[in-house]
Amino acid sequence: MKVTELEYDPGLDKLQEMVGGYIQLVPTSDGRLMYINEDGLRLGLPHNERATGMAGMPIVGNVVVIPNYE
């Protein structure tokens, strides 16, 4: 499974395309924003070990990580 790290927010349509469905926001342990497929568990997507380590909770499927600009 892929972790794509970007330095910008690509927008809703591109985020949904990159994670393969509707997005859900999960904060990472270092304060960045991780977008995941909100239906990933229900769809049985494969475990994403790297993303799980970044979020401190089980993550499945491809994810996109961007800086938190707040």
C-alpha atoms as a PDB file:
ATOM      1  CA  MET A   1       0.000   0.000   0.000  1.00  0.00           C
ATOM      2  CA  LYS A   2       1.159   3.472  -0.851  1.00  0.00           C
ATOM      3  CA  VAL A   3       1.746   6.571   1.300  1.00  0.00           C
ATOM      4  CA  THR A   4       1.881   9.646  -0.926  1.00  0.00           C
ATOM      5  CA  GLU A   5       3.379  12.693   0.782  1.00  0.00           C
ATOM      6  CA  LEU A   6       2.594  16.057  -0.831  1.00  0.00           C
ATOM      7  CA  GLU A   7       3.530  19.632   0.092  1.00  0.00           C
ATOM      8  CA  TYR A   8       0.151  20.995  -1.044  1.00  0.00           C
ATOM      9  CA  ASP A   9      -3.547  20.177  -0.848  1.00  0.00           C
ATOM     10  CA  PRO A  10      -4.489  18.680  -4.240  1.00  0.00           C
ATOM     11  CA  GLY A  11      -8.227  19.212  -3.710  1.00  0.00           C
ATOM     12  CA  LEU A  12     -11.141  16.901  -2.985  1.00  0.00           C
ATOM     13  CA  ASP A  13     -11.440  15.215  -6.387  1.00  0.00           C
ATOM     14  CA  LYS A  14      -7.739  14.337  -6.561  1.00  0.00           C
ATOM     15  CA  LEU A  15      -7.683  13.107  -2.927  1.00  0.00           C
ATOM     16  CA  GLN A  16     -10.649  10.824  -3.613  1.00  0.00           C
ATOM     17  CA  GLU A  17      -8.963   9.524  -6.756  1.00  0.00           C
ATOM     18  CA  MET A  18      -5.714   8.845  -4.890  1.00  0.00           C
ATOM     19  CA  VAL A  19      -7.340   6.903  -2.014  1.00  0.00           C
ATOM     20  CA  GLY A  20      -9.951   5.206  -4.181  1.00  0.00           C
ATOM     21  CA  GLY A  21     -13.157   6.583  -2.657  1.00  0.00           C
ATOM     22  CA  TYR A  22     -14.617   8.992  -0.149  1.00  0.00           C
ATOM     23  CA  ILE A  23     -11.991  10.490   2.136  1.00  0.00           C
ATOM     24  CA  GLN A  24     -11.626  10.536   5.894  1.00  0.00           C
ATOM     25  CA  LEU A  25      -9.143  12.776   7.722  1.00  0.00           C
ATOM     26  CA  VAL A  26      -6.778  11.210  10.267  1.00  0.00           C
ATOM     27  CA  PRO A  27      -4.128  13.337  12.027  1.00  0.00           C
ATOM     28  CA  THR A  28      -0.606  11.913  12.051  1.00  0.00           C
ATOM     29  CA  SER A  29       1.581  11.718  15.149  1.00  0.00           C
ATOM     30  CA  ASP A  30       3.720  14.594  13.796  1.00  0.00           C
ATOM     31  CA  GLY A  31       0.782  16.951  13.191  1.00  0.00           C
ATOM     32  CA  ARG A  32       0.302  16.451   9.456  1.00  0.00           C
ATOM     33  CA  LEU A  33      -3.010  15.494   7.847  1.00  0.00           C
ATOM     34  CA  MET A  34      -3.567  11.992   6.470  1.00  0.00           C
ATOM     35  CA  TYR A  35      -6.426  11.261   4.100  1.00  0.00           C
ATOM     36  CA  ILE A  36      -7.654   7.678   3.904  1.00  0.00           C
ATOM     37  CA  ASN A  37     -10.522   5.826   2.203  1.00  0.00           C
ATOM     38  CA  GLU A  38     -13.383   6.101   4.712  1.00  0.00           C
ATOM     39  CA  ASP A  39     -14.776   2.736   3.572  1.00  0.00           C
ATOM     40  CA  GLY A  40     -11.405   0.978   3.544  1.00  0.00           C
ATOM     41  CA  LEU A  41     -12.140  -1.439   6.396  1.00  0.00           C
ATOM     42  CA  ARG A  42     -15.574  -2.347   5.011  1.00  0.00           C
ATOM     43  CA  LEU A  43     -14.048  -2.906   1.573  1.00  0.00           C
ATOM     44  CA  GLY A  44     -11.321  -5.132   3.027  1.00  0.00           C
ATOM     45  CA  LEU A  45      -8.428  -3.015   1.755  1.00  0.00           C
ATOM     46  CA  PRO A  46      -4.959  -4.308   2.675  1.00  0.00           C
ATOM     47  CA  HIS A  47      -3.209  -3.107   5.832  1.00  0.00           C
ATOM     48  CA  ASN A  48      -0.906  -0.119   5.300  1.00  0.00           C
ATOM     49  CA  GLU A  49       1.956  -0.656   7.761  1.00  0.00           C
ATOM     50  CA  ARG A  50       3.717   2.664   7.140  1.00  0.00           C
ATOM     51  CA  ALA A  51       0.513   4.702   7.470  1.00  0.00           C
ATOM     52  CA  THR A  52      -0.403   2.790  10.639  1.00  0.00           C
ATOM     53  CA  GLY A  53       2.914   3.841  12.169  1.00  0.00           C
ATOM     54  CA  MET A  54       2.340   7.456  11.178  1.00  0.00           C
ATOM     55  CA  ALA A  55      -1.200   7.574  12.615  1.00  0.00           C
ATOM     56  CA  GLY A  56      -0.763   5.369  15.670  1.00  0.00           C
ATOM     57  CA  MET A  57      -3.851   3.387  14.710  1.00  0.00           C
ATOM     58  CA  PRO A  58      -4.645   0.692  12.115  1.00  0.00           C
ATOM     59  CA  ILE A  59      -4.836   2.144   8.589  1.00  0.00           C
ATOM     60  CA  VAL A  60      -5.749   0.311   5.392  1.00  0.00           C
ATOM     61  CA  GLY A  61      -5.414   1.208   1.734  1.00  0.00           C
ATOM     62  CA  ASN A  62      -3.526   3.996   0.003  1.00  0.00           C
ATOM     63  CA  VAL A  63      -3.213   7.304   1.838  1.00  0.00           C
ATOM     64  CA  VAL A  64      -2.218  10.901   1.119  1.00  0.00           C
ATOM     65  CA  VAL A  65      -0.351  12.990   3.692  1.00  0.00           C
ATOM     66  CA  ILE A  66      -0.142  16.790   3.526  1.00  0.00           C
ATOM     67  CA  PRO A  67       1.104  19.506   5.877  1.00  0.00           C
ATOM     68  CA  ASN A  68      -1.352  21.017   8.347  1.00  0.00           C
ATOM     69  CA  TYR A  69      -1.517  24.691   7.377  1.00  0.00           C
ATOM     70  CA  GLU A  70      -3.640  25.833  10.340  1.00  0.00           C
END
